Amino acid sequence: MHELGVVIKVVETVEDFAKKNNLKKVDTLVLQIGELSSMIPRYVEACYPAAVDGTSLEETKLKIEVIPANVLCKSCENIFSFSEQQKRCPQCESEKVELLSGKEFLIKEVIAC
């Protein structure tokens, strides 16, 4: 599970951000994770308590927003939700697509009290 190492790095980044911006206490950390990201939301949630243990973020809440995998059909310019079952454009049946979203892993928001 590579999520723990990544979440530890996120915690370090947020602690640095809070310190530089004189935030006394962080209440909530909001992450955005794409459907096709290598990071699995439930694993991120599971390892978050261990990652924040003993840090200034120990009492923070974690909120995860899942970003859908959307693709653009290069043939007809239709935008649709991509899945392993839906690889073709539902409008023109083309397989020529460009990924628009779904691989993200971002710190979206740090909410202070």
N, C-alpha and C. Protein backbone atom coordinates (compact mmCIF):
# COMPACT_ATOMS: atom_id res chain seq x y z
N MET A 1 0.86 -1.18 0.00
CA MET A 1 0.00 0.00 0.00
C MET A 1 0.90 1.24 0.00
N HIS A 2 1.01 1.88 -1.16
CA HIS A 2 1.85 3.07 -1.28
C HIS A 2 1.15 4.33 -0.76
N GLU A 3 -0.13 4.22 -0.47
CA GLU A 3 -0.90 5.37 0.00
C GLU A 3 -0.33 5.99 1.27
N LEU A 4 0.14 5.18 2.20
CA LEU A 4 0.64 5.71 3.46
C LEU A 4 1.79 6.68 3.24
N GLY A 5 2.76 6.31 2.42
CA GLY A 5 3.89 7.20 2.15
C GLY A 5 3.45 8.51 1.50
N VAL A 6 2.50 8.42 0.60
CA VAL A 6 2.01 9.62 -0.08
C VAL A 6 1.24 10.50 0.90
N VAL A 7 0.42 9.90 1.74
CA VAL A 7 -0.37 10.67 2.71
C VAL A 7 0.55 11.32 3.75
N ILE A 8 1.61 10.65 4.15
CA ILE A 8 2.59 11.26 5.06
C ILE A 8 3.18 12.51 4.42
N LYS A 9 3.51 12.44 3.13
CA LYS A 9 4.05 13.60 2.41
C LYS A 9 3.01 14.73 2.34
N VAL A 10 1.75 14.38 2.13
CA VAL A 10 0.67 15.38 2.12
C VAL A 10 0.59 16.07 3.48
N VAL A 11 0.66 15.30 4.55
CA VAL A 11 0.60 15.85 5.91
C VAL A 11 1.76 16.83 6.12
N GLU A 12 2.96 16.45 5.70
CA GLU A 12 4.12 17.34 5.83
C GLU A 12 3.90 18.64 5.04
N THR A 13 3.37 18.52 3.85
CA THR A 13 3.10 19.68 3.00
C THR A 13 2.08 20.61 3.66
N VAL A 14 1.01 20.04 4.21
CA VAL A 14 -0.03 20.85 4.86
C VAL A 14 0.51 21.49 6.14
N GLU A 15 1.33 20.77 6.88
CA GLU A 15 1.93 21.36 8.09
C GLU A 15 2.81 22.56 7.72
N ASP A 16 3.61 22.43 6.66
CA ASP A 16 4.44 23.54 6.20
C ASP A 16 3.57 24.73 5.77
N PHE A 17 2.50 24.45 5.03
CA PHE A 17 1.59 25.49 4.58
C PHE A 17 0.97 26.21 5.78
N ALA A 18 0.51 25.44 6.77
CA ALA A 18 -0.12 26.03 7.96
C ALA A 18 0.87 26.91 8.71
N LYS A 19 2.09 26.45 8.83
CA LYS A 19 3.12 27.21 9.54
C LYS A 19 3.43 28.52 8.81
N LYS A 20 3.62 28.46 7.50
CA LYS A 20 3.96 29.65 6.70
C LYS A 20 2.82 30.67 6.69
N ASN A 21 1.59 30.18 6.84
CA ASN A 21 0.43 31.07 6.79
C ASN A 21 -0.16 31.35 8.17
N ASN A 22 0.60 31.05 9.21
CA ASN A 22 0.20 31.32 10.60
C ASN A 22 -1.18 30.77 10.96
N LEU A 23 -1.49 29.58 10.47
CA LEU A 23 -2.75 28.94 10.83
C LEU A 23 -2.56 28.24 12.16
N LYS A 24 -3.35 28.60 13.12
CA LYS A 24 -3.20 28.03 14.47
C LYS A 24 -3.64 26.57 14.51
N LYS A 25 -4.76 26.27 13.85
CA LYS A 25 -5.26 24.91 13.87
C LYS A 25 -5.98 24.60 12.56
N VAL A 26 -5.68 23.46 12.00
CA VAL A 26 -6.37 23.00 10.79
C VAL A 26 -7.51 22.11 11.24
N ASP A 27 -8.71 22.40 10.74
CA ASP A 27 -9.89 21.61 11.08
C ASP A 27 -10.11 20.47 10.10
N THR A 28 -10.01 20.80 8.79
CA THR A 28 -10.33 19.81 7.76
C THR A 28 -9.34 19.92 6.61
N LEU A 29 -8.96 18.76 6.10
CA LEU A 29 -8.12 18.68 4.90
C LEU A 29 -8.97 18.05 3.81
N VAL A 30 -9.07 18.73 2.67
CA VAL A 30 -9.88 18.22 1.55
C VAL A 30 -8.94 17.80 0.42
N LEU A 31 -9.05 16.53 0.05
CA LEU A 31 -8.27 15.99 -1.06
C LEU A 31 -9.20 15.67 -2.22
N GLN A 32 -8.68 15.82 -3.43
CA GLN A 32 -9.40 15.38 -4.62
C GLN A 32 -8.63 14.22 -5.23
N ILE A 33 -9.34 13.13 -5.47
CA ILE A 33 -8.72 11.94 -6.03
C ILE A 33 -9.52 11.51 -7.25
N GLY A 34 -8.84 11.40 -8.39
CA GLY A 34 -9.49 10.97 -9.62
C GLY A 34 -9.82 9.49 -9.61
N GLU A 35 -10.90 9.14 -10.30
CA GLU A 35 -11.33 7.74 -10.39
C GLU A 35 -10.24 6.82 -10.94
N LEU A 36 -9.39 7.36 -11.80
CA LEU A 36 -8.34 6.55 -12.42
C LEU A 36 -6.98 6.76 -11.76
N SER A 37 -6.95 7.48 -10.65
CA SER A 37 -5.71 7.72 -9.93
C SER A 37 -5.18 6.41 -9.35
N SER A 38 -3.88 6.36 -9.13
CA SER A 38 -3.31 5.17 -8.49
C SER A 38 -3.60 5.17 -6.99
N MET A 39 -4.10 6.29 -6.47
CA MET A 39 -4.46 6.40 -5.06
C MET A 39 -5.92 5.94 -4.88
N ILE A 40 -6.13 5.02 -3.96
CA ILE A 40 -7.46 4.48 -3.72
C ILE A 40 -8.07 5.17 -2.50
N PRO A 41 -9.19 5.89 -2.70
CA PRO A 41 -9.76 6.69 -1.62
C PRO A 41 -9.93 5.95 -0.29
N ARG A 42 -10.44 4.75 -0.32
CA ARG A 42 -10.66 4.04 0.96
C ARG A 42 -9.35 3.70 1.65
N TYR A 43 -8.27 3.49 0.88
CA TYR A 43 -6.96 3.23 1.48
C TYR A 43 -6.38 4.53 2.07
N VAL A 44 -6.61 5.64 1.38
CA VAL A 44 -6.17 6.94 1.89
C VAL A 44 -6.87 7.20 3.22
N GLU A 45 -8.17 6.98 3.27
CA GLU A 45 -8.93 7.17 4.52
C GLU A 45 -8.42 6.25 5.62
N ALA A 46 -8.11 5.02 5.26
CA ALA A 46 -7.67 4.04 6.26
C ALA A 46 -6.30 4.39 6.85
N CYS A 47 -5.41 4.93 6.04
CA CYS A 47 -4.06 5.21 6.55
C CYS A 47 -3.92 6.64 7.09
N TYR A 48 -4.92 7.49 6.90
CA TYR A 48 -4.85 8.87 7.38
C TYR A 48 -4.58 8.97 8.88
N PRO A 49 -5.28 8.22 9.74
CA PRO A 49 -4.99 8.33 11.17
C PRO A 49 -3.53 8.04 11.52
N ALA A 50 -2.93 7.07 10.88
CA ALA A 50 -1.52 6.75 11.13
C ALA A 50 -0.61 7.87 10.63
N ALA A 51 -0.97 8.48 9.51
CA ALA A 51 -0.14 9.54 8.91
C ALA A 51 -0.15 10.81 9.77
N VAL A 52 -1.26 11.09 10.43
CA VAL A 52 -1.35 12.32 11.23
C VAL A 52 -1.00 12.10 12.70
N ASP A 53 -0.85 10.86 13.10
CA ASP A 53 -0.54 10.55 14.50
C ASP A 53 0.74 11.26 14.94
N GLY A 54 0.63 12.03 16.02
CA GLY A 54 1.78 12.75 16.56
C GLY A 54 2.14 14.03 15.83
N THR A 55 1.30 14.46 14.89
CA THR A 55 1.55 15.69 14.13
C THR A 55 0.57 16.77 14.57
N SER A 56 0.75 17.97 14.06
CA SER A 56 -0.17 19.06 14.37
C SER A 56 -1.54 18.86 13.70
N LEU A 57 -1.64 17.88 12.81
CA LEU A 57 -2.90 17.59 12.12
C LEU A 57 -3.65 16.42 12.75
N GLU A 58 -3.19 15.98 13.90
CA GLU A 58 -3.72 14.78 14.54
C GLU A 58 -5.24 14.81 14.72
N GLU A 59 -5.81 15.97 14.97
CA GLU A 59 -7.25 16.06 15.23
C GLU A 59 -8.04 16.57 14.02
N THR A 60 -7.42 16.60 12.86
CA THR A 60 -8.13 17.10 11.67
C THR A 60 -9.05 16.04 11.09
N LYS A 61 -10.03 16.54 10.36
CA LYS A 61 -10.93 15.67 9.60
C LYS A 61 -10.40 15.59 8.18
N LEU A 62 -10.61 14.46 7.54
CA LEU A 62 -10.23 14.27 6.15
C LEU A 62 -11.50 14.16 5.32
N LYS A 63 -11.54 14.94 4.25
CA LYS A 63 -12.66 14.86 3.31
C LYS A 63 -12.06 14.54 1.94
N ILE A 64 -12.64 13.55 1.27
CA ILE A 64 -12.16 13.17 -0.05
C ILE A 64 -13.27 13.39 -1.07
N GLU A 65 -12.91 14.09 -2.14
CA GLU A 65 -13.82 14.28 -3.27
C GLU A 65 -13.28 13.46 -4.43
N VAL A 66 -14.11 12.59 -4.97
CA VAL A 66 -13.69 11.76 -6.10
C VAL A 66 -14.05 12.49 -7.40
N ILE A 67 -13.03 12.64 -8.25
CA ILE A 67 -13.22 13.32 -9.54
C ILE A 67 -13.50 12.27 -10.60
N PRO A 68 -14.61 12.41 -11.32
CA PRO A 68 -14.95 11.41 -12.33
C PRO A 68 -13.96 11.41 -13.50
N ALA A 69 -13.84 10.25 -14.11
CA ALA A 69 -13.00 10.11 -15.30
C ALA A 69 -13.83 10.52 -16.51
N ASN A 70 -13.53 11.69 -17.04
CA ASN A 70 -14.23 12.20 -18.22
C ASN A 70 -13.29 12.23 -19.40
N VAL A 71 -13.82 11.88 -20.55
CA VAL A 71 -13.02 11.88 -21.77
C VAL A 71 -13.72 12.69 -22.86
N LEU A 72 -12.91 13.15 -23.79
CA LEU A 72 -13.40 13.89 -24.95
C LEU A 72 -13.25 13.00 -26.17
N CYS A 73 -14.31 12.82 -26.91
CA CYS A 73 -14.25 12.07 -28.16
C CYS A 73 -13.57 12.95 -29.20
N LYS A 74 -12.49 12.46 -29.77
CA LYS A 74 -11.75 13.24 -30.77
C LYS A 74 -12.48 13.28 -32.11
N SER A 75 -13.46 12.41 -32.29
CA SER A 75 -14.20 12.38 -33.55
C SER A 75 -15.37 13.35 -33.57
N CYS A 76 -16.19 13.33 -32.51
CA CYS A 76 -17.40 14.17 -32.51
C CYS A 76 -17.41 15.23 -31.40
N GLU A 77 -16.36 15.27 -30.58
CA GLU A 77 -16.21 16.24 -29.50
C GLU A 77 -17.21 16.08 -28.36
N ASN A 78 -17.81 14.91 -28.27
CA ASN A 78 -18.70 14.60 -27.15
C ASN A 78 -17.85 14.33 -25.90
N ILE A 79 -18.30 14.84 -24.77
CA ILE A 79 -17.62 14.56 -23.51
C ILE A 79 -18.49 13.55 -22.75
N PHE A 80 -17.85 12.47 -22.29
CA PHE A 80 -18.61 11.45 -21.57
C PHE A 80 -17.76 10.84 -20.46
N SER A 81 -18.44 10.14 -19.58
CA SER A 81 -17.78 9.49 -18.44
C SER A 81 -17.15 8.20 -18.92
N PHE A 82 -15.87 8.03 -18.63
CA PHE A 82 -15.12 6.86 -19.07
C PHE A 82 -15.19 5.77 -18.01
N SER A 83 -15.33 4.55 -18.46
CA SER A 83 -15.24 3.39 -17.57
C SER A 83 -14.70 2.22 -18.40
N GLU A 84 -14.30 1.18 -17.72
CA GLU A 84 -13.79 0.00 -18.42
C GLU A 84 -14.88 -0.60 -19.32
N GLN A 85 -16.14 -0.43 -18.92
CA GLN A 85 -17.24 -0.95 -19.73
C GLN A 85 -17.62 0.00 -20.86
N GLN A 86 -17.30 1.28 -20.72
CA GLN A 86 -17.69 2.30 -21.70
C GLN A 86 -16.44 2.95 -22.28
N LYS A 87 -15.78 2.25 -23.18
CA LYS A 87 -14.56 2.77 -23.79
C LYS A 87 -14.83 3.50 -25.10
N ARG A 88 -16.00 3.31 -25.65
CA ARG A 88 -16.37 3.96 -26.91
C ARG A 88 -17.30 5.13 -26.64
N CYS A 89 -17.23 6.10 -27.52
CA CYS A 89 -18.13 7.25 -27.42
C CYS A 89 -19.57 6.76 -27.59
N PRO A 90 -20.45 7.11 -26.66
CA PRO A 90 -21.85 6.68 -26.79
C PRO A 90 -22.58 7.36 -27.94
N GLN A 91 -22.00 8.44 -28.44
CA GLN A 91 -22.64 9.19 -29.53
C GLN A 91 -22.24 8.66 -30.91
N CYS A 92 -20.93 8.42 -31.11
CA CYS A 92 -20.49 8.02 -32.46
C CYS A 92 -19.74 6.69 -32.50
N GLU A 93 -19.55 6.04 -31.34
CA GLU A 93 -18.88 4.74 -31.22
C GLU A 93 -17.37 4.78 -31.46
N SER A 94 -16.79 5.96 -31.57
CA SER A 94 -15.35 6.08 -31.79
C SER A 94 -14.59 5.69 -30.52
N GLU A 95 -13.39 5.14 -30.69
CA GLU A 95 -12.50 4.83 -29.56
C GLU A 95 -11.39 5.87 -29.45
N LYS A 96 -11.42 6.89 -30.32
CA LYS A 96 -10.42 7.96 -30.29
C LYS A 96 -10.84 8.98 -29.24
N VAL A 97 -10.27 8.84 -28.04
CA VAL A 97 -10.66 9.70 -26.94
C VAL A 97 -9.44 10.29 -26.26
N GLU A 98 -9.66 11.42 -25.57
CA GLU A 98 -8.61 12.09 -24.80
C GLU A 98 -9.11 12.24 -23.37
N LEU A 99 -8.32 11.81 -22.42
CA LEU A 99 -8.69 11.91 -21.02
C LEU A 99 -8.67 13.38 -20.58
N LEU A 100 -9.77 13.84 -20.00
CA LEU A 100 -9.86 15.22 -19.51
C LEU A 100 -9.66 15.29 -18.00
N SER A 101 -10.17 14.32 -17.29
CA SER A 101 -10.04 14.30 -15.83
C SER A 101 -10.15 12.87 -15.33
N GLY A 102 -9.64 12.66 -14.11
CA GLY A 102 -9.78 11.35 -13.51
C GLY A 102 -8.49 10.77 -12.95
N LYS A 103 -7.34 11.41 -13.22
CA LYS A 103 -6.07 10.91 -12.70
C LYS A 103 -5.51 11.80 -11.59
N GLU A 104 -6.27 12.80 -11.17
CA GLU A 104 -5.80 13.79 -10.20
C GLU A 104 -5.57 13.20 -8.82
N PHE A 105 -4.63 13.81 -8.12
CA PHE A 105 -4.48 13.63 -6.68
C PHE A 105 -4.01 14.98 -6.18
N LEU A 106 -4.94 15.74 -5.57
CA LEU A 106 -4.67 17.13 -5.22
C LEU A 106 -5.09 17.46 -3.80
N ILE A 107 -4.34 18.37 -3.19
CA ILE A 107 -4.80 18.99 -1.95
C ILE A 107 -5.69 20.14 -2.41
N LYS A 108 -6.98 19.99 -2.24
CA LYS A 108 -7.91 21.01 -2.71
C LYS A 108 -8.03 22.17 -1.73
N GLU A 109 -8.12 21.84 -0.44
CA GLU A 109 -8.43 22.87 0.54
C GLU A 109 -7.90 22.50 1.91
N VAL A 110 -7.44 23.51 2.62
CA VAL A 110 -7.05 23.37 4.02
C VAL A 110 -7.96 24.32 4.78
N ILE A 111 -8.82 23.77 5.60
CA ILE A 111 -9.80 24.59 6.33
C ILE A 111 -9.31 24.76 7.77
N ALA A 112 -9.07 26.00 8.14
CA ALA A 112 -8.60 26.31 9.50
C ALA A 112 -9.76 26.70 10.39
N CYS A 113 -9.57 26.55 11.70
CA CYS A 113 -10.60 26.98 12.65
C CYS A 113 -10.30 28.40 13.08
